[in-house]
């Protein structure tokens, strides 16, 4: 829209179609909410990795590691959802008083699914 050149819209449409085709290979249940949630989890994961990489290159290692950790949490949620390891209808909001910023090791739901996903999706096993 900024340049007024339609070729960019065509490129955007092509990228969107490629994304849809690739997501269909991973996401078997194309029900609206599962599809959108999966799409947003992967998009947010990638964005956090991009910004984390930028921070790392700028020497902001702690900020980068925090973003990489959050990206992995979202990536794990994507796989938990699509491997049907949880029923989304059973997920409830976590109360703020249950979160502790001083925790050094992840526990609870995200900690458990993170460990589970590491075991299930291990790209180093040949």
Foldseek 3Di string as FASTA:
>chain_A
DVVPDCVVVVVVVVVVVVVVVVVVVQAVDVPPVLVVLLVVLLVQLVVLQVVLVVCVVVVNPVSSVVSNLVSLLSVLVSVCSRVVVDDPVPDDDDDPVVDDPPDPQDDDDSNVSSVVCCVVDPPVPD
